[in-house]
């Protein structure tokens, strides 16, 4: 079973559609009280994989969900929990564009009070109310976030999110899966990162005219960075750090560990290091590669 949860507006519908496309039977907003009975019926009828979305619309039942998940895992049910998150600014923009109300907003109160005030006041209060609802939702879902694999959708297009979701469920790890993600600091640090390494101090291929339009996946850029002693030293040190602490994460029964590598534009240095690190750790088990800025172009 794949459990899809997260902040409203972060892309749960897109994630469910992606899972449906790869053969999952999907249910949106199943009350947690019905989860055990639903799984019992599924086990009797078929062996199909299921994906269930649970979110703050079932706020009254959320306190019972975490103990129930622990019980199901103890009974042998394989559960992958995915939490979709996004920055508050990105969520406010999405709600403004779609004009859909937040599940925790008091639409009745807004309809009574806001029309009697100036337009500027209504807009300011509406934004403040939305931000308050988002922050309250974060508080309600914080426990689920702690035990889930987090995907930051702030900078992702729907096509990127679908690809990342398929990569997670198809990996089906028996042990810890390492996710190496390149990103641009100018677009913000990924919320889903467990570790962040800043490589902006390394020589930048952007300032070489022939290399500027290329990426860290292209041979000329890779050859240039391979020839820089600092780049090799950085790779060795990151590899040593991860190798030292991976056993501790595995002992903690983590399913995924996201290592984010950031440079200025997310095109050359971070991409190269993410690719190299993934290649070095591939022999020990599952690895996934994400290039946040490059994937946005495709």
C-alpha atoms as a PDB file:
ATOM      1  CA  UNK A   1       0.000   0.000   0.000  1.00  0.00           C
ATOM      2  CA  UNK A   2       1.141   3.518  -0.783  1.00  0.00           C
ATOM      3  CA  UNK A   3      -0.182   6.197   1.556  1.00  0.00           C
ATOM      4  CA  UNK A   4      -0.238   9.646  -0.050  1.00  0.00           C
ATOM      5  CA  UNK A   5      -0.624  12.559   2.313  1.00  0.00           C
ATOM      6  CA  UNK A   6       0.608  16.118   2.645  1.00  0.00           C
ATOM      7  CA  UNK A   7      -0.316  19.773   2.639  1.00  0.00           C
ATOM      8  CA  UNK A   8      -3.394  20.847   0.678  1.00  0.00           C
ATOM      9  CA  UNK A   9      -2.370  22.229  -2.713  1.00  0.00           C
ATOM     10  CA  UNK A  10       0.927  20.318  -2.808  1.00  0.00           C
ATOM     11  CA  UNK A  11      -0.109  17.906  -5.576  1.00  0.00           C
ATOM     12  CA  UNK A  12      -1.833  14.873  -4.037  1.00  0.00           C
ATOM     13  CA  UNK A  13      -4.240  14.554  -6.988  1.00  0.00           C
ATOM     14  CA  UNK A  14      -1.299  14.538  -9.417  1.00  0.00           C
ATOM     15  CA  UNK A  15       0.437  11.887  -7.316  1.00  0.00           C
ATOM     16  CA  UNK A  16      -2.656   9.667  -7.263  1.00  0.00           C
ATOM     17  CA  UNK A  17      -3.030   9.938 -11.050  1.00  0.00           C
ATOM     18  CA  UNK A  18       0.621   8.959 -11.467  1.00  0.00           C
ATOM     19  CA  UNK A  19       0.111   5.893  -9.280  1.00  0.00           C
ATOM     20  CA  UNK A  20      -3.037   4.975 -11.157  1.00  0.00           C
ATOM     21  CA  UNK A  21      -1.065   5.120 -14.412  1.00  0.00           C
ATOM     22  CA  UNK A  22       1.370   2.463 -13.126  1.00  0.00           C
ATOM     23  CA  UNK A  23      -1.329   0.059 -11.994  1.00  0.00           C
ATOM     24  CA  UNK A  24      -2.340   1.108  -8.490  1.00  0.00           C
ATOM     25  CA  UNK A  25      -5.970   1.071  -7.386  1.00  0.00           C
ATOM     26  CA  UNK A  26      -6.403   4.568  -5.906  1.00  0.00           C
ATOM     27  CA  UNK A  27      -8.819   5.983  -3.349  1.00  0.00           C
ATOM     28  CA  UNK A  28      -8.898   9.638  -2.372  1.00  0.00           C
ATOM     29  CA  UNK A  29      -9.777  10.771   1.165  1.00  0.00           C
ATOM     30  CA  UNK A  30     -10.506   7.395   2.712  1.00  0.00           C
ATOM     31  CA  UNK A  31     -11.426   7.896   6.395  1.00  0.00           C
ATOM     32  CA  UNK A  32      -8.725   6.221   8.524  1.00  0.00           C
ATOM     33  CA  UNK A  33     -11.414   4.289  10.429  1.00  0.00           C
ATOM     34  CA  UNK A  34     -12.157   2.349   7.222  1.00  0.00           C
ATOM     35  CA  UNK A  35      -8.552   1.597   6.302  1.00  0.00           C
ATOM     36  CA  UNK A  36      -8.224  -1.766   8.048  1.00  0.00           C
ATOM     37  CA  UNK A  37     -11.546  -3.057   6.699  1.00  0.00           C
ATOM     38  CA  UNK A  38     -10.691  -1.886   3.187  1.00  0.00           C
ATOM     39  CA  UNK A  39      -7.347  -3.706   3.254  1.00  0.00           C
ATOM     40  CA  UNK A  40      -9.028  -6.841   4.562  1.00  0.00           C
ATOM     41  CA  UNK A  41     -11.447  -6.818   1.622  1.00  0.00           C
ATOM     42  CA  UNK A  42      -8.600  -6.188  -0.816  1.00  0.00           C
ATOM     43  CA  UNK A  43      -6.648  -9.168   0.527  1.00  0.00           C
ATOM     44  CA  UNK A  44      -9.684 -11.405   0.087  1.00  0.00           C
ATOM     45  CA  UNK A  45     -10.464 -10.238  -3.451  1.00  0.00           C
ATOM     46  CA  UNK A  46      -7.091  -9.668  -5.121  1.00  0.00           C
ATOM     47  CA  UNK A  47      -3.399  -8.955  -4.756  1.00  0.00           C
ATOM     48  CA  UNK A  48      -3.465  -5.594  -6.521  1.00  0.00           C
ATOM     49  CA  UNK A  49      -1.434  -2.707  -5.210  1.00  0.00           C
ATOM     50  CA  UNK A  50      -3.433   0.112  -3.640  1.00  0.00           C
ATOM     51  CA  UNK A  51      -2.773   3.816  -3.068  1.00  0.00           C
ATOM     52  CA  UNK A  52      -4.780   5.791  -0.543  1.00  0.00           C
ATOM     53  CA  UNK A  53      -4.798   9.543  -0.023  1.00  0.00           C
ATOM     54  CA  UNK A  54      -5.418  10.761   3.517  1.00  0.00           C
ATOM     55  CA  UNK A  55      -5.236  14.423   4.430  1.00  0.00           C
ATOM     56  CA  UNK A  56      -6.578  17.103   6.708  1.00  0.00           C
ATOM     57  CA  UNK A  57     -10.123  16.610   5.426  1.00  0.00           C
ATOM     58  CA  UNK A  58     -10.145  13.709   7.903  1.00  0.00           C
ATOM     59  CA  UNK A  59      -8.677  15.867  10.666  1.00  0.00           C
ATOM     60  CA  UNK A  60     -10.755  14.296  13.415  1.00  0.00           C
ATOM     61  CA  UNK A  61      -9.353  10.840  12.640  1.00  0.00           C
ATOM     62  CA  UNK A  62      -5.706  11.760  12.111  1.00  0.00           C
ATOM     63  CA  UNK A  63      -4.592  11.018  15.714  1.00  0.00           C
ATOM     64  CA  UNK A  64      -5.609   7.384  15.185  1.00  0.00           C
ATOM     65  CA  UNK A  65      -3.775   6.987  11.863  1.00  0.00           C
ATOM     66  CA  UNK A  66      -0.179   6.686  13.077  1.00  0.00           C
ATOM     67  CA  UNK A  67      -0.890   3.896  15.614  1.00  0.00           C
ATOM     68  CA  UNK A  68      -2.950   2.110  12.952  1.00  0.00           C
ATOM     69  CA  UNK A  69      -0.066   2.252  10.468  1.00  0.00           C
ATOM     70  CA  UNK A  70       2.259   0.771  13.089  1.00  0.00           C
ATOM     71  CA  UNK A  71      -0.202  -2.050  13.710  1.00  0.00           C
ATOM     72  CA  UNK A  72      -0.601  -2.801  10.003  1.00  0.00           C
ATOM     73  CA  UNK A  73       3.169  -2.912   9.474  1.00  0.00           C
ATOM     74  CA  UNK A  74       3.498  -5.268  12.443  1.00  0.00           C
ATOM     75  CA  UNK A  75       0.932  -7.517  10.747  1.00  0.00           C
ATOM     76  CA  UNK A  76       3.023  -7.682   7.588  1.00  0.00           C
ATOM     77  CA  UNK A  77       1.357  -5.018   5.427  1.00  0.00           C
ATOM     78  CA  UNK A  78       3.971  -3.303   3.233  1.00  0.00           C
ATOM     79  CA  UNK A  79       3.322   0.435   3.499  1.00  0.00           C
ATOM     80  CA  UNK A  80       5.140   3.275   1.747  1.00  0.00           C
ATOM     81  CA  UNK A  81       4.133   6.680   3.131  1.00  0.00           C
ATOM     82  CA  UNK A  82       4.721   9.702   0.871  1.00  0.00           C
ATOM     83  CA  UNK A  83       4.248  13.247   2.188  1.00  0.00           C
ATOM     84  CA  UNK A  84       3.934  16.098  -0.304  1.00  0.00           C
ATOM     85  CA  UNK A  85       5.040  19.493   0.969  1.00  0.00           C
ATOM     86  CA  UNK A  86       5.491  22.959  -0.472  1.00  0.00           C
ATOM     87  CA  UNK A  87       6.486  26.419   0.684  1.00  0.00           C
ATOM     88  CA  UNK A  88       3.743  28.657   2.009  1.00  0.00           C
ATOM     89  CA  UNK A  89       4.317  31.191  -0.777  1.00  0.00           C
ATOM     90  CA  UNK A  90       3.878  28.499  -3.433  1.00  0.00           C
ATOM     91  CA  UNK A  91       0.697  27.231  -1.773  1.00  0.00           C
ATOM     92  CA  UNK A  92      -0.792  30.718  -1.503  1.00  0.00           C
ATOM     93  CA  UNK A  93      -0.070  31.284  -5.194  1.00  0.00           C
ATOM     94  CA  UNK A  94      -1.723  27.989  -6.180  1.00  0.00           C
ATOM     95  CA  UNK A  95      -4.856  28.649  -4.137  1.00  0.00           C
ATOM     96  CA  UNK A  96      -5.055  32.151  -5.612  1.00  0.00           C
ATOM     97  CA  UNK A  97      -4.762  30.796  -9.153  1.00  0.00           C
ATOM     98  CA  UNK A  98      -7.350  28.033  -8.720  1.00  0.00           C
ATOM     99  CA  UNK A  99      -9.661  30.097  -6.436  1.00  0.00           C
ATOM    100  CA  UNK A 100     -10.406  26.944  -4.454  1.00  0.00           C
ATOM    101  CA  UNK A 101     -10.929  27.307  -0.683  1.00  0.00           C
ATOM    102  CA  UNK A 102      -8.516  25.723   1.740  1.00  0.00           C
ATOM    103  CA  UNK A 103     -10.108  22.757   3.601  1.00  0.00           C
ATOM    104  CA  UNK A 104      -9.508  24.496   6.934  1.00  0.00           C
ATOM    105  CA  UNK A 105     -10.731  27.950   5.912  1.00  0.00           C
ATOM    106  CA  UNK A 106     -13.965  29.298   7.351  1.00  0.00           C
ATOM    107  CA  UNK A 107     -15.783  30.187   4.144  1.00  0.00           C
ATOM    108  CA  UNK A 108     -19.035  30.978   5.937  1.00  0.00           C
ATOM    109  CA  UNK A 109     -17.383  33.532   8.190  1.00  0.00           C
ATOM    110  CA  UNK A 110     -15.520  35.059   5.233  1.00  0.00           C
ATOM    111  CA  UNK A 111     -18.721  35.405   3.216  1.00  0.00           C
ATOM    112  CA  UNK A 112     -20.410  37.273   6.068  1.00  0.00           C
ATOM    113  CA  UNK A 113     -17.617  39.630   7.134  1.00  0.00           C
ATOM    114  CA  UNK A 114     -15.350  40.345   4.165  1.00  0.00           C
ATOM    115  CA  UNK A 115     -17.830  41.898   1.682  1.00  0.00           C
ATOM    116  CA  UNK A 116     -18.592  44.722   4.131  1.00  0.00           C
ATOM    117  CA  UNK A 117     -14.996  45.990   4.059  1.00  0.00           C
ATOM    118  CA  UNK A 118     -12.779  47.739   1.563  1.00  0.00           C
ATOM    119  CA  UNK A 119     -11.376  45.561  -1.235  1.00  0.00           C
ATOM    120  CA  UNK A 120      -7.793  46.016  -0.014  1.00  0.00           C
ATOM    121  CA  UNK A 121      -8.783  44.912   3.473  1.00  0.00           C
ATOM    122  CA  UNK A 122     -10.629  41.884   2.116  1.00  0.00           C
ATOM    123  CA  UNK A 123      -7.620  40.813   0.059  1.00  0.00           C
ATOM    124  CA  UNK A 124      -5.196  41.236   2.970  1.00  0.00           C
ATOM    125  CA  UNK A 125      -7.432  39.398   5.406  1.00  0.00           C
ATOM    126  CA  UNK A 126      -8.094  36.649   2.888  1.00  0.00           C
ATOM    127  CA  UNK A 127      -4.364  36.074   2.415  1.00  0.00           C
ATOM    128  CA  UNK A 128      -3.760  36.115   6.171  1.00  0.00           C
ATOM    129  CA  UNK A 129      -6.573  33.629   6.751  1.00  0.00           C
ATOM    130  CA  UNK A 130      -5.159  31.324   4.074  1.00  0.00           C
ATOM    131  CA  UNK A 131      -1.658  31.464   5.582  1.00  0.00           C
ATOM    132  CA  UNK A 132      -3.099  30.724   9.042  1.00  0.00           C
ATOM    133  CA  UNK A 133      -4.975  27.724   7.632  1.00  0.00           C
ATOM    134  CA  UNK A 134      -1.807  26.405   5.963  1.00  0.00           C
ATOM    135  CA  UNK A 135       0.241  26.747   9.139  1.00  0.00           C
ATOM    136  CA  UNK A 136      -2.479  25.055  11.196  1.00  0.00           C
ATOM    137  CA  UNK A 137      -2.531  22.222   8.660  1.00  0.00           C
ATOM    138  CA  UNK A 138       1.252  21.819   8.980  1.00  0.00           C
ATOM    139  CA  UNK A 139       0.814  21.431  12.722  1.00  0.00           C
ATOM    140  CA  UNK A 140      -1.928  18.822  12.338  1.00  0.00           C
ATOM    141  CA  UNK A 141       0.108  16.760   9.851  1.00  0.00           C
ATOM    142  CA  UNK A 142       3.532  17.104  11.483  1.00  0.00           C
ATOM    143  CA  UNK A 143       3.436  13.579  12.910  1.00  0.00           C
ATOM    144  CA  UNK A 144       2.725  12.032   9.511  1.00  0.00           C
ATOM    145  CA  UNK A 145       5.491  14.087   7.932  1.00  0.00           C
ATOM    146  CA  UNK A 146       8.027  12.733  10.405  1.00  0.00           C
ATOM    147  CA  UNK A 147       7.409   9.108   9.398  1.00  0.00           C
ATOM    148  CA  UNK A 148       7.060   9.674   5.637  1.00  0.00           C
ATOM    149  CA  UNK A 149       9.247  10.178   2.599  1.00  0.00           C
ATOM    150  CA  UNK A 150       8.898  13.905   1.855  1.00  0.00           C
ATOM    151  CA  UNK A 151       8.735  15.414  -1.639  1.00  0.00           C
ATOM    152  CA  UNK A 152       9.000  19.185  -1.943  1.00  0.00           C
ATOM    153  CA  UNK A 153       6.743  20.214  -4.840  1.00  0.00           C
ATOM    154  CA  UNK A 154       7.350  23.975  -4.570  1.00  0.00           C
ATOM    155  CA  UNK A 155       9.344  24.149  -7.819  1.00  0.00           C
ATOM    156  CA  UNK A 156       7.909  21.076  -9.563  1.00  0.00           C
ATOM    157  CA  UNK A 157       5.695  20.958 -12.602  1.00  0.00           C
ATOM    158  CA  UNK A 158       3.023  18.202 -12.602  1.00  0.00           C
ATOM    159  CA  UNK A 159       5.062  16.149 -15.098  1.00  0.00           C
ATOM    160  CA  UNK A 160       8.096  16.248 -12.779  1.00  0.00           C
ATOM    161  CA  UNK A 161       6.039  15.173  -9.776  1.00  0.00           C
ATOM    162  CA  UNK A 162       4.548  12.260 -11.710  1.00  0.00           C
ATOM    163  CA  UNK A 163       8.056  11.108 -12.673  1.00  0.00           C
ATOM    164  CA  UNK A 164       9.366  11.386  -9.100  1.00  0.00           C
ATOM    165  CA  UNK A 165       6.366   9.491  -7.686  1.00  0.00           C
ATOM    166  CA  UNK A 166       6.813   6.662 -10.185  1.00  0.00           C
ATOM    167  CA  UNK A 167      10.511   6.480  -9.317  1.00  0.00           C
ATOM    168  CA  UNK A 168       9.746   6.125  -5.613  1.00  0.00           C
ATOM    169  CA  UNK A 169       7.196   3.342  -5.898  1.00  0.00           C
ATOM    170  CA  UNK A 170       9.055   1.430  -8.582  1.00  0.00           C
ATOM    171  CA  UNK A 171      12.256   1.398  -6.504  1.00  0.00           C
ATOM    172  CA  UNK A 172      10.450  -0.752  -3.906  1.00  0.00           C
ATOM    173  CA  UNK A 173      13.498  -0.784  -1.622  1.00  0.00           C
ATOM    174  CA  UNK A 174      14.248  -3.551   0.836  1.00  0.00           C
ATOM    175  CA  UNK A 175      16.942  -1.353   2.340  1.00  0.00           C
ATOM    176  CA  UNK A 176      17.693   2.340   2.432  1.00  0.00           C
ATOM    177  CA  UNK A 177      17.389   4.112  -0.942  1.00  0.00           C
ATOM    178  CA  UNK A 178      19.608   7.133  -1.523  1.00  0.00           C
ATOM    179  CA  UNK A 179      18.071  10.030  -3.452  1.00  0.00           C
ATOM    180  CA  UNK A 180      20.589  12.485  -4.920  1.00  0.00           C
ATOM    181  CA  UNK A 181      18.964  15.772  -5.911  1.00  0.00           C
ATOM    182  CA  UNK A 182      20.655  18.714  -7.613  1.00  0.00           C
ATOM    183  CA  UNK A 183      19.150  22.180  -7.211  1.00  0.00           C
ATOM    184  CA  UNK A 184      19.788  25.910  -7.592  1.00  0.00           C
ATOM    185  CA  UNK A 185      20.158  27.970  -4.438  1.00  0.00           C
ATOM    186  CA  UNK A 186      18.590  30.930  -6.244  1.00  0.00           C
ATOM    187  CA  UNK A 187      15.318  28.960  -6.361  1.00  0.00           C
ATOM    188  CA  UNK A 188      15.457  27.832  -2.728  1.00  0.00           C
ATOM    189  CA  UNK A 189      16.640  24.794  -0.784  1.00  0.00           C
ATOM    190  CA  UNK A 190      14.426  21.674  -1.223  1.00  0.00           C
ATOM    191  CA  UNK A 191      12.183  21.071   1.775  1.00  0.00           C
ATOM    192  CA  UNK A 192      12.613  17.317   1.382  1.00  0.00           C
ATOM    193  CA  UNK A 193      16.404  17.335   1.834  1.00  0.00           C
ATOM    194  CA  UNK A 194      17.866  15.321   4.711  1.00  0.00           C
ATOM    195  CA  UNK A 195      21.363  16.645   3.954  1.00  0.00           C
ATOM    196  CA  UNK A 196      22.319  19.745   1.952  1.00  0.00           C
ATOM    197  CA  UNK A 197      25.793  20.227   0.491  1.00  0.00           C
ATOM    198  CA  UNK A 198      26.712  23.648  -0.905  1.00  0.00           C
ATOM    199  CA  UNK A 199      29.146  23.386  -3.846  1.00  0.00           C
ATOM    200  CA  UNK A 200      29.032  27.021  -4.987  1.00  0.00           C
ATOM    201  CA  UNK A 201      32.671  27.506  -4.007  1.00  0.00           C
ATOM    202  CA  UNK A 202      33.847  25.048  -6.708  1.00  0.00           C
ATOM    203  CA  UNK A 203      35.065  26.255 -10.148  1.00  0.00           C
ATOM    204  CA  UNK A 204      32.048  27.222 -12.239  1.00  0.00           C
ATOM    205  CA  UNK A 205      31.772  26.045 -15.880  1.00  0.00           C
ATOM    206  CA  UNK A 206      29.229  28.822 -16.427  1.00  0.00           C
ATOM    207  CA  UNK A 207      32.096  31.259 -16.950  1.00  0.00           C
ATOM    208  CA  UNK A 208      33.551  29.231 -19.818  1.00  0.00           C
ATOM    209  CA  UNK A 209      31.719  30.229 -22.995  1.00  0.00           C
ATOM    210  CA  UNK A 210      31.806  26.788 -24.606  1.00  0.00           C
ATOM    211  CA  UNK A 211      30.472  25.085 -21.461  1.00  0.00           C
ATOM    212  CA  UNK A 212      27.792  27.587 -20.480  1.00  0.00           C
ATOM    213  CA  UNK A 213      24.917  26.083 -22.529  1.00  0.00           C
ATOM    214  CA  UNK A 214      25.792  22.525 -21.461  1.00  0.00           C
ATOM    215  CA  UNK A 215      24.952  20.706 -18.221  1.00  0.00           C
ATOM    216  CA  UNK A 216      26.790  18.567 -15.694  1.00  0.00           C
ATOM    217  CA  UNK A 217      25.578  15.490 -17.566  1.00  0.00           C
ATOM    218  CA  UNK A 218      27.531  16.465 -20.717  1.00  0.00           C
ATOM    219  CA  UNK A 219      31.027  15.058 -21.244  1.00  0.00           C
ATOM    220  CA  UNK A 220      32.845  18.409 -21.776  1.00  0.00           C
ATOM    221  CA  UNK A 221      31.523  19.755 -18.468  1.00  0.00           C
ATOM    222  CA  UNK A 222      32.290  16.481 -16.686  1.00  0.00           C
ATOM    223  CA  UNK A 223      35.849  16.484 -18.078  1.00  0.00           C
ATOM    224  CA  UNK A 224      36.371  20.081 -16.956  1.00  0.00           C
ATOM    225  CA  UNK A 225      35.146  19.402 -13.402  1.00  0.00           C
ATOM    226  CA  UNK A 226      37.046  16.116 -13.192  1.00  0.00           C
ATOM    227  CA  UNK A 227      40.267  18.071 -13.823  1.00  0.00           C
ATOM    228  CA  UNK A 228      39.632  20.390 -10.843  1.00  0.00           C
ATOM    229  CA  UNK A 229      41.289  19.088  -7.633  1.00  0.00           C
ATOM    230  CA  UNK A 230      38.700  20.792  -5.411  1.00  0.00           C
ATOM    231  CA  UNK A 231      35.857  18.916  -7.097  1.00  0.00           C
ATOM    232  CA  UNK A 232      37.517  15.554  -6.507  1.00  0.00           C
ATOM    233  CA  UNK A 233      38.199  16.451  -2.883  1.00  0.00           C
ATOM    234  CA  UNK A 234      34.569  17.480  -2.355  1.00  0.00           C
ATOM    235  CA  UNK A 235      33.330  14.198  -3.834  1.00  0.00           C
ATOM    236  CA  UNK A 236      35.626  12.139  -1.619  1.00  0.00           C
ATOM    237  CA  UNK A 237      34.567  13.984   1.530  1.00  0.00           C
ATOM    238  CA  UNK A 238      30.813  13.751   0.824  1.00  0.00           C
ATOM    239  CA  UNK A 239      31.186  10.060  -0.022  1.00  0.00           C
ATOM    240  CA  UNK A 240      33.101   9.424   3.203  1.00  0.00           C
ATOM    241  CA  UNK A 241      30.540  11.293   5.290  1.00  0.00           C
ATOM    242  CA  UNK A 242      27.588   9.391   3.829  1.00  0.00           C
ATOM    243  CA  UNK A 243      29.362   6.046   4.050  1.00  0.00           C
ATOM    244  CA  UNK A 244      30.071   6.679   7.724  1.00  0.00           C
ATOM    245  CA  UNK A 245      26.471   7.466   8.674  1.00  0.00           C
ATOM    246  CA  UNK A 246      24.375   5.331   6.295  1.00  0.00           C
ATOM    247  CA  UNK A 247      24.438   2.310   8.645  1.00  0.00           C
ATOM    248  CA  UNK A 248      22.875   4.468  11.358  1.00  0.00           C
ATOM    249  CA  UNK A 249      20.048   5.498   9.038  1.00  0.00           C
ATOM    250  CA  UNK A 250      19.502   1.877   8.016  1.00  0.00           C
ATOM    251  CA  UNK A 251      19.389   0.836  11.666  1.00  0.00           C
ATOM    252  CA  UNK A 252      16.724   3.518  12.163  1.00  0.00           C
ATOM    253  CA  UNK A 253      14.652   1.732   9.479  1.00  0.00           C
ATOM    254  CA  UNK A 254      14.620   4.670   7.125  1.00  0.00           C
ATOM    255  CA  UNK A 255      13.375   3.902   3.606  1.00  0.00           C
ATOM    256  CA  UNK A 256      14.793   6.948   1.807  1.00  0.00           C
ATOM    257  CA  UNK A 257      17.541   9.483   2.448  1.00  0.00           C
ATOM    258  CA  UNK A 258      17.585  12.609   0.267  1.00  0.00           C
ATOM    259  CA  UNK A 259      20.973  14.226  -0.302  1.00  0.00           C
ATOM    260  CA  UNK A 260      20.637  17.634  -1.961  1.00  0.00           C
ATOM    261  CA  UNK A 261      23.584  19.154  -3.834  1.00  0.00           C
ATOM    262  CA  UNK A 262      23.222  22.852  -4.573  1.00  0.00           C
ATOM    263  CA  UNK A 263      25.047  25.335  -6.774  1.00  0.00           C
ATOM    264  CA  UNK A 264      24.041  28.742  -8.115  1.00  0.00           C
ATOM    265  CA  UNK A 265      22.012  27.730 -11.164  1.00  0.00           C
ATOM    266  CA  UNK A 266      21.504  23.999 -10.697  1.00  0.00           C
ATOM    267  CA  UNK A 267      22.956  23.280 -14.141  1.00  0.00           C
ATOM    268  CA  UNK A 268      26.634  22.321 -13.942  1.00  0.00           C
ATOM    269  CA  UNK A 269      28.368  21.602 -10.626  1.00  0.00           C
ATOM    270  CA  UNK A 270      25.451  20.263  -8.589  1.00  0.00           C
ATOM    271  CA  UNK A 271      24.293  18.082 -11.482  1.00  0.00           C
ATOM    272  CA  UNK A 272      27.771  16.613 -11.972  1.00  0.00           C
ATOM    273  CA  UNK A 273      28.255  15.840  -8.281  1.00  0.00           C
ATOM    274  CA  UNK A 274      24.796  14.284  -7.945  1.00  0.00           C
ATOM    275  CA  UNK A 275      25.508  12.022 -10.914  1.00  0.00           C
ATOM    276  CA  UNK A 276      28.931  11.049  -9.594  1.00  0.00           C
ATOM    277  CA  UNK A 277      27.703  10.315  -6.083  1.00  0.00           C
ATOM    278  CA  UNK A 278      24.832   8.207  -7.391  1.00  0.00           C
ATOM    279  CA  UNK A 279      27.301   6.167  -9.448  1.00  0.00           C
ATOM    280  CA  UNK A 280      29.574   5.639  -6.426  1.00  0.00           C
ATOM    281  CA  UNK A 281      26.718   4.433  -4.181  1.00  0.00           C
ATOM    282  CA  UNK A 282      24.807   2.422  -6.771  1.00  0.00           C
ATOM    283  CA  UNK A 283      26.658  -0.782  -5.878  1.00  0.00           C
ATOM    284  CA  UNK A 284      25.426  -0.714  -2.267  1.00  0.00           C
ATOM    285  CA  UNK A 285      21.727  -0.652  -3.175  1.00  0.00           C
ATOM    286  CA  UNK A 286      18.979   1.540  -4.543  1.00  0.00           C
ATOM    287  CA  UNK A 287      19.745   5.045  -5.769  1.00  0.00           C
ATOM    288  CA  UNK A 288      17.572   7.671  -7.429  1.00  0.00           C
ATOM    289  CA  UNK A 289      18.705  10.856  -9.192  1.00  0.00           C
ATOM    290  CA  UNK A 290      16.681  14.053  -9.427  1.00  0.00           C
ATOM    291  CA  UNK A 291      17.723  17.277 -11.123  1.00  0.00           C
ATOM    292  CA  UNK A 292      15.169  19.819  -9.993  1.00  0.00           C
ATOM    293  CA  UNK A 293      16.093  22.620 -12.374  1.00  0.00           C
ATOM    294  CA  UNK A 294      17.012  20.431 -15.368  1.00  0.00           C
ATOM    295  CA  UNK A 295      13.885  18.295 -15.041  1.00  0.00           C
ATOM    296  CA  UNK A 296      11.784  21.466 -15.119  1.00  0.00           C
ATOM    297  CA  UNK A 297      13.000  22.140 -18.672  1.00  0.00           C
ATOM    298  CA  UNK A 298      11.980  18.746 -20.072  1.00  0.00           C
END
